[in-house]
Amino acid sequence: MIRRKLVCLAAMTALGAGVPMAANAQADYPTKPVKIIVPFPPGGTSDVMARMLSDELTKSLKQPFVVENIGGAGGTIGTDRAVKLPADGYTLIQTGVGQNAVAHGLDPNIKYNSMTDFVHISQIHSGPNVLVVHPSTPFKSVQDVVAYAKANPGKLDYGYTHAASGHMAMELFKQTTGTFMTGIPYRGGGPLMIDGLGGTIPMMFINQDTALPHVRAGKLRALAVTSTQRNPLYPDVPTIAESGYKGFEALSWSGMSVAKGTPQAIVDKLEAAIAQAMQSDVIKQRMGSVGFVIPPQGVKPYTAFVKSEIDTWTRVIKTAGIKPQ
């Protein structure tokens, strides 16, 4: 009996000792390199945003934040792998419009749930798509496009890449304006841009950073942006909301998340560090130079934003009858 009591006492002592050790480990976080999993290939906007942030977090938290690219299936492969890794704060997951909002509308059997399997720490970037037309077209405004499309149902073509933010913007545009236009699918942004610049397709929605040099060179004409406020790099280009469709919004965005179950102390530390990083002069300058805005920071606004985006794009996809490819 005495021996049993001693064993129990020793076990309780060890358990009690483990609690402060775990707390200290969280307080000292990070004590080793942290991975940022980007679920897309290198070189795109998502990758650039993640690497920009990783540099700032490496400076402030004194450990390397290393980007690992795991592309495929519109971002869902890398996201699924990342969210299944240990919830210890040493894997950050770049979440975004495609893999964490559009994907839920396209595939009801997706392997993860963006509202229950993640802690969404903070949104990193937000930027509009731009409705652009080839200069050879007669269209000078959204109203011109809508009037022509209504007078000539199905005769106005547009280009898109499946399930990209530009595709979603166009589907929302058609539903909002009550127009029927013919979509020409492309397997990637490169071929889409080549045909858009060549005039093979007269119209498309593309990210504002991609459109900017071509608009400035006069190779594309910008008719409207899809944010609710005008973009600083397109000061003379109205929003679609201004063009007669109040409330219209379709954004390209990304943020940083971790797997559900990550200790709260680590979540809090990352939340504060990311908010600080996003206010650095380096990030402000780099984002401003390509027309991105710094969104509201923190867990609460980002979580609410992800939920609203899932609701919006699930509704748009269902209405349009879009299927996964």
C-alpha atoms as a PDB file:
ATOM      1  CA  MET A   1       0.000   0.000   0.000  1.00  0.00           C
ATOM      2  CA  ILE A   2       2.793   2.421   0.928  1.00  0.00           C
ATOM      3  CA  ARG A   3       4.631   1.569  -2.274  1.00  0.00           C
ATOM      4  CA  ARG A   4       1.483   2.213  -4.340  1.00  0.00           C
ATOM      5  CA  LYS A   5       1.052   5.615  -2.699  1.00  0.00           C
ATOM      6  CA  LEU A   6       4.656   6.489  -3.456  1.00  0.00           C
ATOM      7  CA  VAL A   7       4.220   5.531  -7.121  1.00  0.00           C
ATOM      8  CA  CYS A   8       1.073   7.652  -7.399  1.00  0.00           C
ATOM      9  CA  LEU A   9       2.793  10.572  -5.702  1.00  0.00           C
ATOM     10  CA  ALA A  10       5.727  10.305  -8.105  1.00  0.00           C
ATOM     11  CA  ALA A  11       3.388  10.227 -11.103  1.00  0.00           C
ATOM     12  CA  MET A  12       1.496  13.290  -9.896  1.00  0.00           C
ATOM     13  CA  THR A  13       4.764  15.105  -9.277  1.00  0.00           C
ATOM     14  CA  ALA A  14       5.968  14.297 -12.795  1.00  0.00           C
ATOM     15  CA  LEU A  15       2.650  15.422 -14.278  1.00  0.00           C
ATOM     16  CA  GLY A  16       2.786  18.670 -12.365  1.00  0.00           C
ATOM     17  CA  ALA A  17       6.335  19.264 -13.511  1.00  0.00           C
ATOM     18  CA  GLY A  18       5.275  18.763 -17.117  1.00  0.00           C
ATOM     19  CA  VAL A  19       2.733  21.601 -17.032  1.00  0.00           C
ATOM     20  CA  PRO A  20       5.232  24.420 -16.440  1.00  0.00           C
ATOM     21  CA  MET A  21       7.626  22.807 -18.931  1.00  0.00           C
ATOM     22  CA  ALA A  22       4.923  22.904 -21.612  1.00  0.00           C
ATOM     23  CA  ALA A  23       4.041  26.464 -20.673  1.00  0.00           C
ATOM     24  CA  ASN A  24       7.680  27.488 -20.887  1.00  0.00           C
ATOM     25  CA  ALA A  25       8.006  25.841 -24.291  1.00  0.00           C
ATOM     26  CA  GLN A  26       5.062  27.878 -25.560  1.00  0.00           C
ATOM     27  CA  ALA A  27       6.455  31.065 -24.023  1.00  0.00           C
ATOM     28  CA  ASP A  28       9.816  30.454 -25.716  1.00  0.00           C
ATOM     29  CA  TYR A  29       8.212  29.719 -29.101  1.00  0.00           C
ATOM     30  CA  PRO A  30       9.685  29.390 -31.635  1.00  0.00           C
ATOM     31  CA  THR A  31      12.736  27.376 -30.627  1.00  0.00           C
ATOM     32  CA  LYS A  32      13.333  25.872 -34.094  1.00  0.00           C
ATOM     33  CA  PRO A  33      12.557  26.716 -37.735  1.00  0.00           C
ATOM     34  CA  VAL A  34       8.909  27.147 -38.737  1.00  0.00           C
ATOM     35  CA  LYS A  35       7.485  25.982 -42.066  1.00  0.00           C
ATOM     36  CA  ILE A  36       5.064  28.073 -44.089  1.00  0.00           C
ATOM     37  CA  ILE A  37       3.279  25.759 -46.495  1.00  0.00           C
ATOM     38  CA  VAL A  38       2.195  27.525 -49.670  1.00  0.00           C
ATOM     39  CA  PRO A  39      -0.188  25.253 -51.605  1.00  0.00           C
ATOM     40  CA  PHE A  40       0.881  26.629 -54.985  1.00  0.00           C
ATOM     41  CA  PRO A  41       4.058  26.527 -57.110  1.00  0.00           C
ATOM     42  CA  PRO A  42       6.762  29.174 -56.619  1.00  0.00           C
ATOM     43  CA  GLY A  43       6.519  32.531 -58.329  1.00  0.00           C
ATOM     44  CA  GLY A  44       2.821  33.379 -58.087  1.00  0.00           C
ATOM     45  CA  THR A  45       1.173  36.045 -55.961  1.00  0.00           C
ATOM     46  CA  SER A  46       0.537  33.627 -53.073  1.00  0.00           C
ATOM     47  CA  ASP A  47       4.170  32.561 -53.009  1.00  0.00           C
ATOM     48  CA  VAL A  48       5.420  36.146 -53.136  1.00  0.00           C
ATOM     49  CA  MET A  49       3.151  37.179 -50.239  1.00  0.00           C
ATOM     50  CA  ALA A  50       4.303  34.257 -48.091  1.00  0.00           C
ATOM     51  CA  ARG A  51       7.991  34.897 -48.708  1.00  0.00           C
ATOM     52  CA  MET A  52       7.595  38.585 -47.974  1.00  0.00           C
ATOM     53  CA  LEU A  53       5.990  37.770 -44.620  1.00  0.00           C
ATOM     54  CA  SER A  54       8.485  35.005 -43.829  1.00  0.00           C
ATOM     55  CA  ASP A  55      11.348  37.494 -44.033  1.00  0.00           C
ATOM     56  CA  GLU A  56       9.718  39.764 -41.462  1.00  0.00           C
ATOM     57  CA  LEU A  57       8.774  36.925 -39.088  1.00  0.00           C
ATOM     58  CA  THR A  58      12.315  35.563 -39.272  1.00  0.00           C
ATOM     59  CA  LYS A  59      13.604  38.942 -38.109  1.00  0.00           C
ATOM     60  CA  SER A  60      11.113  39.450 -35.288  1.00  0.00           C
ATOM     61  CA  LEU A  61      10.867  35.910 -33.877  1.00  0.00           C
ATOM     62  CA  LYS A  62      14.560  35.033 -34.289  1.00  0.00           C
ATOM     63  CA  GLN A  63      14.001  31.703 -36.032  1.00  0.00           C
ATOM     64  CA  PRO A  64      13.861  30.902 -39.749  1.00  0.00           C
ATOM     65  CA  PHE A  65      10.382  30.882 -41.289  1.00  0.00           C
ATOM     66  CA  VAL A  66      10.869  28.718 -44.373  1.00  0.00           C
ATOM     67  CA  VAL A  67       8.426  28.554 -47.288  1.00  0.00           C
ATOM     68  CA  GLU A  68       7.623  25.090 -48.667  1.00  0.00           C
ATOM     69  CA  ASN A  69       5.603  24.911 -51.892  1.00  0.00           C
ATOM     70  CA  ILE A  70       3.169  22.002 -52.302  1.00  0.00           C
ATOM     71  CA  GLY A  71       1.082  22.726 -55.388  1.00  0.00           C
ATOM     72  CA  GLY A  72      -1.776  20.895 -57.078  1.00  0.00           C
ATOM     73  CA  ALA A  73      -5.555  20.765 -57.398  1.00  0.00           C
ATOM     74  CA  GLY A  74      -6.090  24.487 -56.959  1.00  0.00           C
ATOM     75  CA  GLY A  75      -4.281  24.561 -53.623  1.00  0.00           C
ATOM     76  CA  THR A  76      -6.253  21.779 -51.955  1.00  0.00           C
ATOM     77  CA  ILE A  77      -3.470  19.154 -51.946  1.00  0.00           C
ATOM     78  CA  GLY A  78      -0.985  21.277 -50.015  1.00  0.00           C
ATOM     79  CA  THR A  79      -3.685  22.588 -47.689  1.00  0.00           C
ATOM     80  CA  ASP A  80      -4.893  19.080 -46.865  1.00  0.00           C
ATOM     81  CA  ARG A  81      -1.365  17.890 -46.105  1.00  0.00           C
ATOM     82  CA  ALA A  82      -0.550  20.924 -44.003  1.00  0.00           C
ATOM     83  CA  VAL A  83      -3.635  20.790 -41.790  1.00  0.00           C
ATOM     84  CA  LYS A  84      -2.861  17.155 -40.903  1.00  0.00           C
ATOM     85  CA  LEU A  85       0.591  17.960 -39.526  1.00  0.00           C
ATOM     86  CA  PRO A  86       1.065  18.373 -35.732  1.00  0.00           C
ATOM     87  CA  ALA A  87      -0.789  21.390 -34.343  1.00  0.00           C
ATOM     88  CA  ASP A  88       2.293  22.711 -32.556  1.00  0.00           C
ATOM     89  CA  GLY A  89       2.780  26.067 -34.255  1.00  0.00           C
ATOM     90  CA  TYR A  90       5.710  24.897 -36.369  1.00  0.00           C
ATOM     91  CA  THR A  91       3.605  24.691 -39.528  1.00  0.00           C
ATOM     92  CA  LEU A  92       1.836  27.772 -40.824  1.00  0.00           C
ATOM     93  CA  ILE A  93      -0.669  27.261 -43.623  1.00  0.00           C
ATOM     94  CA  GLN A  94      -1.239  29.863 -46.276  1.00  0.00           C
ATOM     95  CA  THR A  95      -4.991  29.989 -46.717  1.00  0.00           C
ATOM     96  CA  GLY A  96      -6.731  31.799 -49.557  1.00  0.00           C
ATOM     97  CA  VAL A  97      -9.763  32.356 -51.729  1.00  0.00           C
ATOM     98  CA  GLY A  98      -9.270  29.317 -53.949  1.00  0.00           C
ATOM     99  CA  GLN A  99      -8.419  26.584 -51.485  1.00  0.00           C
ATOM    100  CA  ASN A 100     -10.477  27.866 -48.543  1.00  0.00           C
ATOM    101  CA  ALA A 101     -13.587  29.365 -50.118  1.00  0.00           C
ATOM    102  CA  VAL A 102     -14.094  28.456 -53.782  1.00  0.00           C
ATOM    103  CA  ALA A 103     -13.036  24.841 -53.141  1.00  0.00           C
ATOM    104  CA  HIS A 104     -15.940  24.298 -50.742  1.00  0.00           C
ATOM    105  CA  GLY A 105     -18.420  25.333 -53.416  1.00  0.00           C
ATOM    106  CA  LEU A 106     -16.818  23.110 -56.047  1.00  0.00           C
ATOM    107  CA  ASP A 107     -16.396  19.967 -53.950  1.00  0.00           C
ATOM    108  CA  PRO A 108     -18.783  19.200 -51.074  1.00  0.00           C
ATOM    109  CA  ASN A 109     -16.579  16.193 -50.216  1.00  0.00           C
ATOM    110  CA  ILE A 110     -13.371  18.167 -49.792  1.00  0.00           C
ATOM    111  CA  LYS A 111     -11.127  16.518 -47.172  1.00  0.00           C
ATOM    112  CA  TYR A 112     -10.900  19.496 -44.814  1.00  0.00           C
ATOM    113  CA  ASN A 113     -13.297  22.047 -43.394  1.00  0.00           C
ATOM    114  CA  SER A 114     -12.002  25.590 -43.562  1.00  0.00           C
ATOM    115  CA  MET A 115     -14.126  26.684 -40.605  1.00  0.00           C
ATOM    116  CA  THR A 116     -13.467  23.826 -38.158  1.00  0.00           C
ATOM    117  CA  ASP A 117     -10.005  22.462 -39.004  1.00  0.00           C
ATOM    118  CA  PHE A 118      -8.090  25.752 -38.852  1.00  0.00           C
ATOM    119  CA  VAL A 119      -7.346  28.705 -36.641  1.00  0.00           C
ATOM    120  CA  HIS A 120      -7.258  31.642 -39.056  1.00  0.00           C
ATOM    121  CA  ILE A 121      -4.631  33.943 -37.593  1.00  0.00           C
ATOM    122  CA  SER A 122      -4.626  36.904 -39.939  1.00  0.00           C
ATOM    123  CA  GLN A 123      -5.379  37.972 -43.483  1.00  0.00           C
ATOM    124  CA  ILE A 124      -2.253  39.013 -45.360  1.00  0.00           C
ATOM    125  CA  HIS A 125      -3.315  40.577 -48.606  1.00  0.00           C
ATOM    126  CA  SER A 126      -6.381  41.671 -50.490  1.00  0.00           C
ATOM    127  CA  GLY A 127      -6.696  42.995 -53.991  1.00  0.00           C
ATOM    128  CA  PRO A 128      -9.352  43.345 -56.663  1.00  0.00           C
ATOM    129  CA  ASN A 129      -9.708  41.779 -60.028  1.00  0.00           C
ATOM    130  CA  VAL A 130      -9.936  44.191 -62.941  1.00  0.00           C
ATOM    131  CA  LEU A 131     -12.399  43.924 -65.812  1.00  0.00           C
ATOM    132  CA  VAL A 132     -10.231  44.502 -68.868  1.00  0.00           C
ATOM    133  CA  VAL A 133     -11.022  44.547 -72.576  1.00  0.00           C
ATOM    134  CA  HIS A 134      -8.830  44.601 -75.646  1.00  0.00           C
ATOM    135  CA  PRO A 135      -8.422  48.165 -77.004  1.00  0.00           C
ATOM    136  CA  SER A 136      -9.927  47.087 -80.331  1.00  0.00           C
ATOM    137  CA  THR A 137     -13.332  46.637 -78.676  1.00  0.00           C
ATOM    138  CA  PRO A 138     -15.780  49.554 -78.497  1.00  0.00           C
ATOM    139  CA  PHE A 139     -16.356  49.112 -74.749  1.00  0.00           C
ATOM    140  CA  LYS A 140     -15.461  52.081 -72.565  1.00  0.00           C
ATOM    141  CA  SER A 141     -17.474  51.209 -69.446  1.00  0.00           C
ATOM    142  CA  VAL A 142     -19.289  48.458 -67.575  1.00  0.00           C
ATOM    143  CA  GLN A 143     -22.541  49.900 -68.901  1.00  0.00           C
ATOM    144  CA  ASP A 144     -21.289  49.418 -72.478  1.00  0.00           C
ATOM    145  CA  VAL A 145     -20.512  45.751 -71.801  1.00  0.00           C
ATOM    146  CA  VAL A 146     -23.847  45.078 -70.124  1.00  0.00           C
ATOM    147  CA  ALA A 147     -25.831  46.828 -72.866  1.00  0.00           C
ATOM    148  CA  TYR A 148     -24.087  44.857 -75.601  1.00  0.00           C
ATOM    149  CA  ALA A 149     -24.398  41.536 -73.755  1.00  0.00           C
ATOM    150  CA  LYS A 150     -28.118  42.037 -73.180  1.00  0.00           C
ATOM    151  CA  ALA A 151     -28.703  43.005 -76.805  1.00  0.00           C
ATOM    152  CA  ASN A 152     -26.585  40.074 -78.064  1.00  0.00           C
ATOM    153  CA  PRO A 153     -27.004  37.123 -75.657  1.00  0.00           C
ATOM    154  CA  GLY A 154     -24.134  34.642 -75.871  1.00  0.00           C
ATOM    155  CA  LYS A 155     -22.256  36.584 -78.554  1.00  0.00           C
ATOM    156  CA  LEU A 156     -19.726  38.272 -76.251  1.00  0.00           C
ATOM    157  CA  ASP A 157     -16.828  35.988 -75.300  1.00  0.00           C
ATOM    158  CA  TYR A 158     -14.619  36.173 -72.226  1.00  0.00           C
ATOM    159  CA  GLY A 159     -11.608  34.134 -71.116  1.00  0.00           C
ATOM    160  CA  TYR A 160     -11.062  32.460 -67.769  1.00  0.00           C
ATOM    161  CA  THR A 161      -9.045  29.838 -65.912  1.00  0.00           C
ATOM    162  CA  HIS A 162     -11.229  27.377 -64.042  1.00  0.00           C
ATOM    163  CA  ALA A 163     -12.078  28.318 -60.430  1.00  0.00           C
ATOM    164  CA  ALA A 164      -9.581  31.211 -60.326  1.00  0.00           C
ATOM    165  CA  SER A 165     -10.643  34.461 -58.690  1.00  0.00           C
ATOM    166  CA  GLY A 166     -11.181  36.002 -62.147  1.00  0.00           C
ATOM    167  CA  HIS A 167     -13.528  33.161 -63.075  1.00  0.00           C
ATOM    168  CA  MET A 168     -15.514  33.678 -59.890  1.00  0.00           C
ATOM    169  CA  ALA A 169     -15.632  37.444 -60.469  1.00  0.00           C
ATOM    170  CA  MET A 170     -17.072  36.891 -63.940  1.00  0.00           C
ATOM    171  CA  GLU A 171     -19.722  34.455 -62.701  1.00  0.00           C
ATOM    172  CA  LEU A 172     -20.768  36.939 -60.022  1.00  0.00           C
ATOM    173  CA  PHE A 173     -20.771  39.707 -62.640  1.00  0.00           C
ATOM    174  CA  LYS A 174     -23.064  37.743 -64.971  1.00  0.00           C
ATOM    175  CA  GLN A 175     -25.436  36.875 -62.134  1.00  0.00           C
ATOM    176  CA  THR A 176     -25.466  40.446 -60.829  1.00  0.00           C
ATOM    177  CA  THR A 177     -26.019  42.076 -64.232  1.00  0.00           C
ATOM    178  CA  GLY A 178     -28.375  39.444 -65.595  1.00  0.00           C
ATOM    179  CA  THR A 179     -26.275  38.850 -68.710  1.00  0.00           C
ATOM    180  CA  PHE A 180     -25.392  35.746 -70.710  1.00  0.00           C
ATOM    181  CA  MET A 181     -21.889  35.648 -72.185  1.00  0.00           C
ATOM    182  CA  THR A 182     -19.766  32.795 -73.506  1.00  0.00           C
ATOM    183  CA  GLY A 183     -16.776  31.669 -71.453  1.00  0.00           C
ATOM    184  CA  ILE A 184     -13.611  30.375 -73.152  1.00  0.00           C
ATOM    185  CA  PRO A 185     -11.651  28.191 -70.682  1.00  0.00           C
ATOM    186  CA  TYR A 186      -7.850  28.289 -70.423  1.00  0.00           C
ATOM    187  CA  ARG A 187      -5.578  25.909 -68.560  1.00  0.00           C
ATOM    188  CA  GLY A 188      -3.414  28.656 -67.156  1.00  0.00           C
ATOM    189  CA  GLY A 189      -2.960  32.381 -66.743  1.00  0.00           C
ATOM    190  CA  GLY A 190      -0.136  32.524 -69.313  1.00  0.00           C
ATOM    191  CA  PRO A 191      -2.153  31.348 -72.343  1.00  0.00           C
ATOM    192  CA  LEU A 192      -5.107  33.432 -71.161  1.00  0.00           C
ATOM    193  CA  MET A 193      -2.977  36.566 -71.078  1.00  0.00           C
ATOM    194  CA  ILE A 194      -1.459  35.864 -74.504  1.00  0.00           C
ATOM    195  CA  ASP A 195      -4.890  35.642 -76.117  1.00  0.00           C
ATOM    196  CA  GLY A 196      -6.187  38.608 -74.148  1.00  0.00           C
ATOM    197  CA  LEU A 197      -3.316  40.802 -75.308  1.00  0.00           C
ATOM    198  CA  GLY A 198      -3.682  39.506 -78.858  1.00  0.00           C
ATOM    199  CA  GLY A 199      -7.390  40.261 -79.000  1.00  0.00           C
ATOM    200  CA  THR A 200      -8.409  36.619 -79.518  1.00  0.00           C
ATOM    201  CA  ILE A 201     -10.643  37.058 -76.492  1.00  0.00           C
ATOM    202  CA  PRO A 202     -12.162  40.509 -76.011  1.00  0.00           C
ATOM    203  CA  MET A 203     -12.656  40.520 -72.240  1.00  0.00           C
ATOM    204  CA  MET A 204     -11.612  38.965 -68.905  1.00  0.00           C
ATOM    205  CA  PHE A 205     -11.218  39.575 -65.207  1.00  0.00           C
ATOM    206  CA  ILE A 206      -7.613  39.350 -63.987  1.00  0.00           C
ATOM    207  CA  ASN A 207      -5.741  40.279 -60.821  1.00  0.00           C
ATOM    208  CA  GLN A 208      -4.889  43.941 -60.580  1.00  0.00           C
ATOM    209  CA  ASP A 209      -1.129  43.344 -60.223  1.00  0.00           C
ATOM    210  CA  THR A 210      -1.104  41.194 -63.376  1.00  0.00           C
ATOM    211  CA  ALA A 211      -3.162  43.699 -65.348  1.00  0.00           C
ATOM    212  CA  LEU A 212      -1.273  46.826 -64.314  1.00  0.00           C
ATOM    213  CA  PRO A 213       1.727  46.854 -66.723  1.00  0.00           C
ATOM    214  CA  HIS A 214      -0.494  45.987 -69.693  1.00  0.00           C
ATOM    215  CA  VAL A 215      -3.031  48.681 -68.811  1.00  0.00           C
ATOM    216  CA  ARG A 216      -0.261  51.246 -68.422  1.00  0.00           C
ATOM    217  CA  ALA A 217       1.197  50.216 -71.787  1.00  0.00           C
ATOM    218  CA  GLY A 218      -2.187  50.643 -73.469  1.00  0.00           C
ATOM    219  CA  LYS A 219      -2.392  46.966 -74.427  1.00  0.00           C
ATOM    220  CA  LEU A 220      -5.513  46.431 -72.300  1.00  0.00           C
ATOM    221  CA  ARG A 221      -8.281  48.836 -71.299  1.00  0.00           C
ATOM    222  CA  ALA A 222      -9.448  48.715 -67.660  1.00  0.00           C
ATOM    223  CA  LEU A 223     -13.185  49.261 -67.227  1.00  0.00           C
ATOM    224  CA  ALA A 224     -13.723  48.547 -63.523  1.00  0.00           C
ATOM    225  CA  VAL A 225     -12.224  47.066 -60.375  1.00  0.00           C
ATOM    226  CA  THR A 226     -14.021  44.536 -58.190  1.00  0.00           C
ATOM    227  CA  SER A 227     -13.252  46.036 -54.774  1.00  0.00           C
ATOM    228  CA  THR A 228     -15.817  48.271 -53.087  1.00  0.00           C
ATOM    229  CA  GLN A 229     -13.298  51.137 -53.042  1.00  0.00           C
ATOM    230  CA  ARG A 230     -11.163  52.384 -55.925  1.00  0.00           C
ATOM    231  CA  ASN A 231      -7.661  50.977 -56.071  1.00  0.00           C
ATOM    232  CA  PRO A 232      -4.777  53.439 -55.568  1.00  0.00           C
ATOM    233  CA  LEU A 233      -3.007  52.248 -58.721  1.00  0.00           C
ATOM    234  CA  TYR A 234      -6.189  52.610 -60.787  1.00  0.00           C
ATOM    235  CA  PRO A 235      -7.450  55.973 -59.488  1.00  0.00           C
ATOM    236  CA  ASP A 236      -9.442  56.766 -62.633  1.00  0.00           C
ATOM    237  CA  VAL A 237     -11.037  53.331 -62.934  1.00  0.00           C
ATOM    238  CA  PRO A 238     -14.434  53.041 -61.212  1.00  0.00           C
ATOM    239  CA  THR A 239     -15.582  50.111 -59.115  1.00  0.00           C
ATOM    240  CA  ILE A 240     -18.328  47.853 -60.411  1.00  0.00           C
ATOM    241  CA  ALA A 241     -20.379  49.052 -57.438  1.00  0.00           C
ATOM    242  CA  GLU A 242     -19.971  52.630 -58.704  1.00  0.00           C
ATOM    243  CA  SER A 243     -20.989  51.477 -62.166  1.00  0.00           C
ATOM    244  CA  GLY A 244     -24.511  50.694 -61.018  1.00  0.00           C
ATOM    245  CA  TYR A 245     -24.171  47.407 -59.090  1.00  0.00           C
ATOM    246  CA  LYS A 246     -24.062  48.373 -55.441  1.00  0.00           C
ATOM    247  CA  GLY A 247     -22.315  45.964 -53.095  1.00  0.00           C
ATOM    248  CA  PHE A 248     -20.448  44.076 -55.824  1.00  0.00           C
ATOM    249  CA  GLU A 249     -17.143  42.708 -54.506  1.00  0.00           C
ATOM    250  CA  ALA A 250     -14.810  39.942 -55.664  1.00  0.00           C
ATOM    251  CA  LEU A 251     -11.315  39.849 -54.193  1.00  0.00           C
ATOM    252  CA  SER A 252      -8.104  37.914 -54.487  1.00  0.00           C
ATOM    253  CA  TRP A 253      -6.828  37.287 -50.959  1.00  0.00           C
ATOM    254  CA  SER A 254      -4.643  35.149 -48.723  1.00  0.00           C
ATOM    255  CA  GLY A 255      -3.789  34.814 -45.068  1.00  0.00           C
ATOM    256  CA  MET A 256      -1.964  32.752 -42.476  1.00  0.00           C
ATOM    257  CA  SER A 257      -3.589  29.967 -40.480  1.00  0.00           C
ATOM    258  CA  VAL A 258      -2.595  27.022 -38.302  1.00  0.00           C
ATOM    259  CA  ALA A 259      -4.215  23.683 -37.591  1.00  0.00           C
ATOM    260  CA  LYS A 260      -6.982  23.573 -34.986  1.00  0.00           C
ATOM    261  CA  GLY A 261      -5.564  22.588 -31.615  1.00  0.00           C
ATOM    262  CA  THR A 262      -2.484  24.809 -31.791  1.00  0.00           C
ATOM    263  CA  PRO A 263      -1.825  26.107 -28.240  1.00  0.00           C
ATOM    264  CA  GLN A 264      -3.483  29.457 -27.596  1.00  0.00           C
ATOM    265  CA  ALA A 265      -0.250  31.039 -26.362  1.00  0.00           C
ATOM    266  CA  ILE A 266       1.387  30.274 -29.720  1.00  0.00           C
ATOM    267  CA  VAL A 267      -1.637  31.542 -31.665  1.00  0.00           C
ATOM    268  CA  ASP A 268      -1.494  34.785 -29.670  1.00  0.00           C
ATOM    269  CA  LYS A 269       2.220  35.188 -30.329  1.00  0.00           C
ATOM    270  CA  LEU A 270       1.828  34.598 -34.062  1.00  0.00           C
ATOM    271  CA  GLU A 271      -1.161  36.935 -34.247  1.00  0.00           C
ATOM    272  CA  ALA A 272       0.854  39.761 -32.671  1.00  0.00           C
ATOM    273  CA  ALA A 273       3.967  39.068 -34.750  1.00  0.00           C
ATOM    274  CA  ILE A 274       2.063  39.022 -38.049  1.00  0.00           C
ATOM    275  CA  ALA A 275       0.196  42.224 -37.198  1.00  0.00           C
ATOM    276  CA  GLN A 276       3.527  43.887 -36.439  1.00  0.00           C
ATOM    277  CA  ALA A 277       5.107  42.565 -39.645  1.00  0.00           C
ATOM    278  CA  MET A 278       2.262  43.874 -41.784  1.00  0.00           C
ATOM    279  CA  GLN A 279       2.960  47.384 -40.549  1.00  0.00           C
ATOM    280  CA  SER A 280       6.625  47.299 -41.554  1.00  0.00           C
ATOM    281  CA  ASP A 281       7.740  49.853 -44.107  1.00  0.00           C
ATOM    282  CA  VAL A 282       9.088  47.080 -46.347  1.00  0.00           C
ATOM    283  CA  ILE A 283       5.758  45.271 -46.612  1.00  0.00           C
ATOM    284  CA  LYS A 284       3.722  48.467 -46.950  1.00  0.00           C
ATOM    285  CA  GLN A 285       5.923  49.647 -49.807  1.00  0.00           C
ATOM    286  CA  ARG A 286       5.985  46.327 -51.641  1.00  0.00           C
ATOM    287  CA  MET A 287       2.252  45.768 -51.373  1.00  0.00           C
ATOM    288  CA  GLY A 288       1.390  49.327 -52.306  1.00  0.00           C
ATOM    289  CA  SER A 289       3.578  49.142 -55.390  1.00  0.00           C
ATOM    290  CA  VAL A 290       1.348  46.446 -56.902  1.00  0.00           C
ATOM    291  CA  GLY A 291      -1.984  47.758 -55.642  1.00  0.00           C
ATOM    292  CA  PHE A 292      -2.613  45.403 -52.729  1.00  0.00           C
ATOM    293  CA  VAL A 293      -4.130  46.720 -49.523  1.00  0.00           C
ATOM    294  CA  ILE A 294      -3.322  45.550 -45.989  1.00  0.00           C
ATOM    295  CA  PRO A 295      -6.539  44.054 -44.604  1.00  0.00           C
ATOM    296  CA  PRO A 296      -7.733  44.169 -40.976  1.00  0.00           C
ATOM    297  CA  GLN A 297      -5.428  42.039 -38.848  1.00  0.00           C
ATOM    298  CA  GLY A 298      -6.229  39.347 -36.295  1.00  0.00           C
ATOM    299  CA  VAL A 299      -8.066  36.095 -35.687  1.00  0.00           C
ATOM    300  CA  LYS A 300     -11.593  37.502 -35.350  1.00  0.00           C
ATOM    301  CA  PRO A 301     -11.760  39.574 -38.551  1.00  0.00           C
ATOM    302  CA  TYR A 302     -10.009  36.933 -40.633  1.00  0.00           C
ATOM    303  CA  THR A 303     -12.224  34.097 -39.394  1.00  0.00           C
ATOM    304  CA  ALA A 304     -15.370  36.126 -40.120  1.00  0.00           C
ATOM    305  CA  PHE A 305     -14.027  37.042 -43.567  1.00  0.00           C
ATOM    306  CA  VAL A 306     -13.294  33.414 -44.507  1.00  0.00           C
ATOM    307  CA  LYS A 307     -16.834  32.439 -43.475  1.00  0.00           C
ATOM    308  CA  SER A 308     -18.366  35.207 -45.614  1.00  0.00           C
ATOM    309  CA  GLU A 309     -16.248  34.194 -48.631  1.00  0.00           C
ATOM    310  CA  ILE A 310     -17.284  30.542 -48.326  1.00  0.00           C
ATOM    311  CA  ASP A 311     -20.931  31.605 -48.243  1.00  0.00           C
ATOM    312  CA  THR A 312     -20.558  33.933 -51.245  1.00  0.00           C
ATOM    313  CA  TRP A 313     -18.689  31.614 -53.577  1.00  0.00           C
ATOM    314  CA  THR A 314     -20.674  28.519 -52.657  1.00  0.00           C
ATOM    315  CA  ARG A 315     -23.823  30.416 -53.636  1.00  0.00           C
ATOM    316  CA  VAL A 316     -22.311  31.737 -56.884  1.00  0.00           C
ATOM    317  CA  ILE A 317     -20.956  28.317 -57.891  1.00  0.00           C
ATOM    318  CA  LYS A 318     -24.251  26.576 -57.150  1.00  0.00           C
ATOM    319  CA  THR A 319     -26.191  29.151 -59.163  1.00  0.00           C
ATOM    320  CA  ALA A 320     -23.789  28.879 -62.093  1.00  0.00           C
ATOM    321  CA  GLY A 321     -23.677  25.071 -61.957  1.00  0.00           C
ATOM    322  CA  ILE A 322     -19.867  25.008 -62.019  1.00  0.00           C
ATOM    323  CA  LYS A 323     -18.339  21.575 -61.514  1.00  0.00           C
ATOM    324  CA  PRO A 324     -14.791  20.614 -60.431  1.00  0.00           C
ATOM    325  CA  GLN A 325     -12.325  19.662 -63.142  1.00  0.00           C
END
